[in-house]
């Protein structure tokens, strides 16, 4: 028997989740055996095709571009085109680009990222007898079924 991987089926194994930019870092831990595995996935890849995710990304990109144009235009007006103005514009441009790249993910997007990360693990299997995903060392001698994604 195979088990569909959903957030609710793997939630008991999630020890920690961190997002840094576009990278989700997830540590999974089997409560029975203590086995752990750390996996990293790209959040954009994990959420590819999500209409909400695509719309948010487009809106944030446009907002970032508008912010950058506004800040750089204001600095040019205030400081002119000399050396001081150029340095200030460069620093502001880098700051605005950094702000535009930051992304705030919804709980649903984070959960899709965790499911994608779990799909890359090698330390966990579905144990039919247990009725749950467990660490390979904790699974029964018959093993478990292959997981499938939902």
C-alpha atoms as a PDB file:
ATOM      1  CA  UNK A   1       0.000   0.000   0.000  1.00  0.00           C
ATOM      2  CA  UNK A   2       1.247   3.486  -0.734  1.00  0.00           C
ATOM      3  CA  UNK A   3       0.364   6.583   1.215  1.00  0.00           C
ATOM      4  CA  UNK A   4      -0.294  10.016  -0.203  1.00  0.00           C
ATOM      5  CA  UNK A   5       2.062  12.659   1.166  1.00  0.00           C
ATOM      6  CA  UNK A   6       0.102  15.588   2.532  1.00  0.00           C
ATOM      7  CA  UNK A   7       1.087  18.123   5.133  1.00  0.00           C
ATOM      8  CA  UNK A   8      -1.186  16.495   7.709  1.00  0.00           C
ATOM      9  CA  UNK A   9       0.445  13.058   7.198  1.00  0.00           C
ATOM     10  CA  UNK A  10       3.974  14.394   7.749  1.00  0.00           C
ATOM     11  CA  UNK A  11       3.331  17.173  10.267  1.00  0.00           C
ATOM     12  CA  UNK A  12       4.298  14.958  13.260  1.00  0.00           C
ATOM     13  CA  UNK A  13       7.768  14.547  11.705  1.00  0.00           C
ATOM     14  CA  UNK A  14       8.435  18.267  11.156  1.00  0.00           C
ATOM     15  CA  UNK A  15      11.001  19.389  13.703  1.00  0.00           C
ATOM     16  CA  UNK A  16      11.815  22.812  12.243  1.00  0.00           C
ATOM     17  CA  UNK A  17      11.131  24.983   9.220  1.00  0.00           C
ATOM     18  CA  UNK A  18      13.113  28.069   8.215  1.00  0.00           C
ATOM     19  CA  UNK A  19      12.788  30.204   5.128  1.00  0.00           C
ATOM     20  CA  UNK A  20      15.711  32.307   3.950  1.00  0.00           C
ATOM     21  CA  UNK A  21      14.839  34.209   0.800  1.00  0.00           C
ATOM     22  CA  UNK A  22      13.599  31.592  -1.649  1.00  0.00           C
ATOM     23  CA  UNK A  23      15.048  28.593   0.217  1.00  0.00           C
ATOM     24  CA  UNK A  24      13.065  26.513   2.691  1.00  0.00           C
ATOM     25  CA  UNK A  25      15.149  24.469   5.138  1.00  0.00           C
ATOM     26  CA  UNK A  26      13.219  21.712   6.869  1.00  0.00           C
ATOM     27  CA  UNK A  27      14.360  19.202   9.468  1.00  0.00           C
ATOM     28  CA  UNK A  28      12.302  16.034   9.811  1.00  0.00           C
ATOM     29  CA  UNK A  29      12.603  13.806  12.889  1.00  0.00           C
ATOM     30  CA  UNK A  30      11.092  10.397  13.618  1.00  0.00           C
ATOM     31  CA  UNK A  31       9.769  10.469  17.195  1.00  0.00           C
ATOM     32  CA  UNK A  32      10.313   6.696  17.591  1.00  0.00           C
ATOM     33  CA  UNK A  33      13.837   6.201  16.231  1.00  0.00           C
ATOM     34  CA  UNK A  34      15.181   9.740  16.546  1.00  0.00           C
ATOM     35  CA  UNK A  35      16.351   9.689  12.910  1.00  0.00           C
ATOM     36  CA  UNK A  36      16.622  13.165  11.435  1.00  0.00           C
ATOM     37  CA  UNK A  37      17.120  14.505   7.953  1.00  0.00           C
ATOM     38  CA  UNK A  38      17.571  18.079   6.794  1.00  0.00           C
ATOM     39  CA  UNK A  39      16.302  19.021   3.353  1.00  0.00           C
ATOM     40  CA  UNK A  40      16.389  22.286   1.416  1.00  0.00           C
ATOM     41  CA  UNK A  41      14.026  23.186  -1.422  1.00  0.00           C
ATOM     42  CA  UNK A  42      13.319  26.282  -3.462  1.00  0.00           C
ATOM     43  CA  UNK A  43      10.001  27.826  -2.492  1.00  0.00           C
ATOM     44  CA  UNK A  44       9.286  29.026  -6.032  1.00  0.00           C
ATOM     45  CA  UNK A  45       9.739  25.503  -7.402  1.00  0.00           C
ATOM     46  CA  UNK A  46       7.590  24.021  -4.610  1.00  0.00           C
ATOM     47  CA  UNK A  47       4.781  26.482  -5.369  1.00  0.00           C
ATOM     48  CA  UNK A  48       5.132  26.605  -9.142  1.00  0.00           C
ATOM     49  CA  UNK A  49       1.785  26.796 -10.864  1.00  0.00           C
ATOM     50  CA  UNK A  50      -0.087  28.197  -7.862  1.00  0.00           C
ATOM     51  CA  UNK A  51      -2.226  31.051  -9.158  1.00  0.00           C
ATOM     52  CA  UNK A  52      -2.066  32.916  -5.847  1.00  0.00           C
ATOM     53  CA  UNK A  53       1.702  32.470  -5.636  1.00  0.00           C
ATOM     54  CA  UNK A  54       2.228  33.723  -9.195  1.00  0.00           C
ATOM     55  CA  UNK A  55      -0.012  36.756  -8.610  1.00  0.00           C
ATOM     56  CA  UNK A  56       1.806  37.643  -5.366  1.00  0.00           C
ATOM     57  CA  UNK A  57       5.183  37.379  -7.068  1.00  0.00           C
ATOM     58  CA  UNK A  58       4.111  39.656  -9.934  1.00  0.00           C
ATOM     59  CA  UNK A  59       2.625  42.231  -7.548  1.00  0.00           C
ATOM     60  CA  UNK A  60       5.741  42.237  -5.347  1.00  0.00           C
ATOM     61  CA  UNK A  61       8.018  42.635  -8.369  1.00  0.00           C
ATOM     62  CA  UNK A  62       6.018  45.628  -9.622  1.00  0.00           C
ATOM     63  CA  UNK A  63       5.926  47.194  -6.164  1.00  0.00           C
ATOM     64  CA  UNK A  64       9.685  46.770  -5.842  1.00  0.00           C
ATOM     65  CA  UNK A  65      10.285  48.381  -9.229  1.00  0.00           C
ATOM     66  CA  UNK A  66       8.038  51.328  -8.330  1.00  0.00           C
ATOM     67  CA  UNK A  67       9.761  51.735  -4.978  1.00  0.00           C
ATOM     68  CA  UNK A  68      13.179  51.708  -6.626  1.00  0.00           C
ATOM     69  CA  UNK A  69      12.173  54.310  -9.258  1.00  0.00           C
ATOM     70  CA  UNK A  70      10.644  56.565  -6.610  1.00  0.00           C
ATOM     71  CA  UNK A  71      13.616  56.410  -4.240  1.00  0.00           C
ATOM     72  CA  UNK A  72      16.182  56.911  -6.995  1.00  0.00           C
ATOM     73  CA  UNK A  73      14.216  59.812  -8.474  1.00  0.00           C
ATOM     74  CA  UNK A  74      13.962  61.519  -5.082  1.00  0.00           C
ATOM     75  CA  UNK A  75      17.684  61.113  -4.422  1.00  0.00           C
ATOM     76  CA  UNK A  76      18.560  62.569  -7.821  1.00  0.00           C
ATOM     77  CA  UNK A  77      16.386  65.587  -7.083  1.00  0.00           C
ATOM     78  CA  UNK A  78      17.878  66.080  -3.614  1.00  0.00           C
ATOM     79  CA  UNK A  79      21.540  65.282  -4.183  1.00  0.00           C
ATOM     80  CA  UNK A  80      22.039  65.919  -7.886  1.00  0.00           C
ATOM     81  CA  UNK A  81      24.142  63.899 -10.286  1.00  0.00           C
ATOM     82  CA  UNK A  82      27.532  64.428  -8.634  1.00  0.00           C
ATOM     83  CA  UNK A  83      29.634  61.903  -6.708  1.00  0.00           C
ATOM     84  CA  UNK A  84      27.524  62.132  -3.533  1.00  0.00           C
ATOM     85  CA  UNK A  85      24.321  61.602  -5.491  1.00  0.00           C
ATOM     86  CA  UNK A  86      25.797  58.654  -7.388  1.00  0.00           C
ATOM     87  CA  UNK A  87      26.918  56.912  -4.187  1.00  0.00           C
ATOM     88  CA  UNK A  88      23.541  57.502  -2.542  1.00  0.00           C
ATOM     89  CA  UNK A  89      21.669  56.249  -5.628  1.00  0.00           C
ATOM     90  CA  UNK A  90      23.808  53.103  -5.765  1.00  0.00           C
ATOM     91  CA  UNK A  91      23.212  52.333  -2.076  1.00  0.00           C
ATOM     92  CA  UNK A  92      19.485  53.037  -2.400  1.00  0.00           C
ATOM     93  CA  UNK A  93      19.260  50.916  -5.545  1.00  0.00           C
ATOM     94  CA  UNK A  94      20.847  47.946  -3.760  1.00  0.00           C
ATOM     95  CA  UNK A  95      18.502  48.406  -0.789  1.00  0.00           C
ATOM     96  CA  UNK A  96      15.423  48.634  -3.033  1.00  0.00           C
ATOM     97  CA  UNK A  97      16.494  45.527  -4.985  1.00  0.00           C
ATOM     98  CA  UNK A  98      16.906  43.629  -1.715  1.00  0.00           C
ATOM     99  CA  UNK A  99      13.446  44.709  -0.541  1.00  0.00           C
ATOM    100  CA  UNK A 100      11.937  43.662  -3.883  1.00  0.00           C
ATOM    101  CA  UNK A 101      13.499  40.184  -3.616  1.00  0.00           C
ATOM    102  CA  UNK A 102      12.098  39.509  -0.139  1.00  0.00           C
ATOM    103  CA  UNK A 103       9.049  37.340  -0.195  1.00  0.00           C
ATOM    104  CA  UNK A 104       6.489  36.643   2.472  1.00  0.00           C
ATOM    105  CA  UNK A 105       4.970  33.197   2.043  1.00  0.00           C
ATOM    106  CA  UNK A 106       1.499  32.201   3.209  1.00  0.00           C
ATOM    107  CA  UNK A 107       0.972  29.198   5.500  1.00  0.00           C
ATOM    108  CA  UNK A 108      -0.351  27.256   2.500  1.00  0.00           C
ATOM    109  CA  UNK A 109       2.792  28.027   0.470  1.00  0.00           C
ATOM    110  CA  UNK A 110       5.002  26.996   3.402  1.00  0.00           C
ATOM    111  CA  UNK A 111       3.091  23.719   3.732  1.00  0.00           C
ATOM    112  CA  UNK A 112       3.558  22.995   0.013  1.00  0.00           C
ATOM    113  CA  UNK A 113       7.275  23.665   0.521  1.00  0.00           C
ATOM    114  CA  UNK A 114       7.427  21.236   3.462  1.00  0.00           C
ATOM    115  CA  UNK A 115       5.643  18.532   1.416  1.00  0.00           C
ATOM    116  CA  UNK A 116       8.104  19.089  -1.458  1.00  0.00           C
ATOM    117  CA  UNK A 117      11.014  18.838   0.997  1.00  0.00           C
ATOM    118  CA  UNK A 118       9.648  15.611   2.480  1.00  0.00           C
ATOM    119  CA  UNK A 119       9.459  14.166  -1.027  1.00  0.00           C
ATOM    120  CA  UNK A 120      13.263  14.478  -1.188  1.00  0.00           C
ATOM    121  CA  UNK A 121      13.936  12.600   2.052  1.00  0.00           C
ATOM    122  CA  UNK A 122      15.602   9.228   2.041  1.00  0.00           C
ATOM    123  CA  UNK A 123      15.272   8.458   5.765  1.00  0.00           C
ATOM    124  CA  UNK A 124      11.493   7.998   5.965  1.00  0.00           C
ATOM    125  CA  UNK A 125       9.028   5.395   4.722  1.00  0.00           C
ATOM    126  CA  UNK A 126       5.350   4.747   5.186  1.00  0.00           C
ATOM    127  CA  UNK A 127       4.837   1.920   7.678  1.00  0.00           C
ATOM    128  CA  UNK A 128       1.563   0.121   6.918  1.00  0.00           C
ATOM    129  CA  UNK A 129       1.428  -1.426  10.393  1.00  0.00           C
ATOM    130  CA  UNK A 130       2.002   1.942  12.051  1.00  0.00           C
ATOM    131  CA  UNK A 131      -0.282   3.789   9.634  1.00  0.00           C
ATOM    132  CA  UNK A 132       2.193   6.669   9.447  1.00  0.00           C
ATOM    133  CA  UNK A 133       5.496   7.801   8.013  1.00  0.00           C
ATOM    134  CA  UNK A 134       8.397   6.707  10.213  1.00  0.00           C
ATOM    135  CA  UNK A 135      12.164   6.616  10.053  1.00  0.00           C
ATOM    136  CA  UNK A 136      13.563   3.672   8.104  1.00  0.00           C
ATOM    137  CA  UNK A 137      15.128   2.276  11.290  1.00  0.00           C
ATOM    138  CA  UNK A 138      11.741   2.357  13.028  1.00  0.00           C
ATOM    139  CA  UNK A 139       9.793   0.641  10.231  1.00  0.00           C
ATOM    140  CA  UNK A 140       8.759  -2.983  10.622  1.00  0.00           C
ATOM    141  CA  UNK A 141      10.582  -5.851   8.902  1.00  0.00           C
ATOM    142  CA  UNK A 142       8.031  -5.922   6.072  1.00  0.00           C
ATOM    143  CA  UNK A 143       8.892  -2.315   5.254  1.00  0.00           C
ATOM    144  CA  UNK A 144       6.414   0.150   4.030  1.00  0.00           C
ATOM    145  CA  UNK A 145       4.772   1.163   0.840  1.00  0.00           C
ATOM    146  CA  UNK A 146       6.173   3.744  -1.480  1.00  0.00           C
ATOM    147  CA  UNK A 147       4.813   7.232  -0.812  1.00  0.00           C
ATOM    148  CA  UNK A 148       2.883   9.101  -3.471  1.00  0.00           C
ATOM    149  CA  UNK A 149       2.354  12.819  -3.741  1.00  0.00           C
ATOM    150  CA  UNK A 150      -1.055  14.426  -3.645  1.00  0.00           C
END
